[in-house]
Amino acid sequence: MAKSLLALFMLSLVACPGGGGAKKQAPEPCKTLGQQCQFEPGKLGACAYRANCDGANCLYCQSQH
């Protein structure tokens, strides 16, 4: 019985869902105004400029929902 429990325990460690799946890629940063982007997984957005921004990272992905 102890061997059965040990085997079941080991199988549950190896077979856990999401343990070895494909890795998610980070969303591509905005490069141009109006470019389509991914705001969140499954949610589309469009690249827009931040208000009162003078730096290099003024483009961001704005939700369209």
Protein backbone atom coordinates (compact mmCIF):
# COMPACT_ATOMS: atom_id res chain seq x y z
CA MET A 1 0.00 0.00 0.00
CA ALA A 2 2.84 2.38 0.80
CA LYS A 3 4.30 1.81 -2.68
CA SER A 4 0.92 2.62 -4.25
CA LEU A 5 0.66 5.87 -2.33
CA LEU A 6 4.21 6.81 -3.23
CA ALA A 7 3.55 6.07 -6.91
CA LEU A 8 0.37 8.15 -6.84
CA PHE A 9 2.20 11.02 -5.18
CA MET A 10 5.03 10.93 -7.72
CA LEU A 11 2.55 10.80 -10.61
CA SER A 12 0.69 13.84 -9.28
CA LEU A 13 3.93 15.83 -9.18
CA VAL A 14 4.85 14.94 -12.75
CA ALA A 15 1.39 15.35 -14.23
CA CYS A 16 0.38 18.70 -12.84
CA PRO A 17 -1.37 20.92 -15.36
CA GLY A 18 0.54 23.92 -16.62
CA GLY A 19 3.83 22.63 -15.33
CA GLY A 20 5.55 22.16 -18.66
CA GLY A 21 3.42 24.11 -21.10
CA ALA A 22 4.56 26.69 -23.58
CA LYS A 23 5.91 29.88 -22.07
CA LYS A 24 3.97 33.07 -22.67
CA GLN A 25 5.72 35.76 -24.65
CA ALA A 26 5.78 39.30 -23.36
CA PRO A 27 3.65 41.67 -25.42
CA GLU A 28 5.55 43.64 -28.04
CA PRO A 29 6.14 47.24 -26.95
CA CYS A 30 4.47 50.06 -28.88
CA LYS A 31 6.57 51.53 -31.68
CA THR A 32 4.13 53.82 -33.52
CA LEU A 33 0.98 55.76 -32.71
CA GLY A 34 -2.16 53.76 -33.57
CA GLN A 35 -0.34 50.42 -33.75
CA GLN A 36 -2.51 47.49 -32.63
CA CYS A 37 -1.30 45.96 -29.36
CA GLN A 38 -2.36 43.48 -26.70
CA PHE A 39 -3.55 45.34 -23.58
CA GLU A 40 -4.08 42.12 -21.59
CA PRO A 41 -4.27 38.50 -22.73
CA GLY A 42 -7.27 38.39 -25.05
CA LYS A 43 -7.88 42.18 -24.95
CA LEU A 44 -6.87 44.36 -27.87
CA GLY A 45 -5.57 47.86 -27.57
CA ALA A 46 -4.05 50.66 -29.62
CA CYS A 47 -0.78 52.48 -29.01
CA ALA A 48 -1.24 56.03 -27.72
CA TYR A 49 0.93 58.82 -26.30
CA ARG A 50 1.01 59.51 -22.56
CA ALA A 51 -0.11 63.01 -21.61
CA ASN A 52 2.65 65.39 -20.44
CA CYS A 53 5.41 62.93 -21.36
CA ASP A 54 8.76 64.01 -22.77
CA GLY A 55 10.75 60.79 -22.31
CA ALA A 56 11.51 57.82 -24.53
CA ASN A 57 8.64 55.69 -23.16
CA CYS A 58 5.71 57.95 -24.04
CA LEU A 59 3.92 55.35 -26.17
CA TYR A 60 1.77 52.84 -24.29
CA CYS A 61 -0.96 50.29 -25.04
CA GLN A 62 -4.41 51.74 -24.30
CA SER A 63 -7.39 49.40 -23.90
CA GLN A 64 -10.11 49.55 -26.55
CA HIS A 65 -12.73 47.95 -24.27
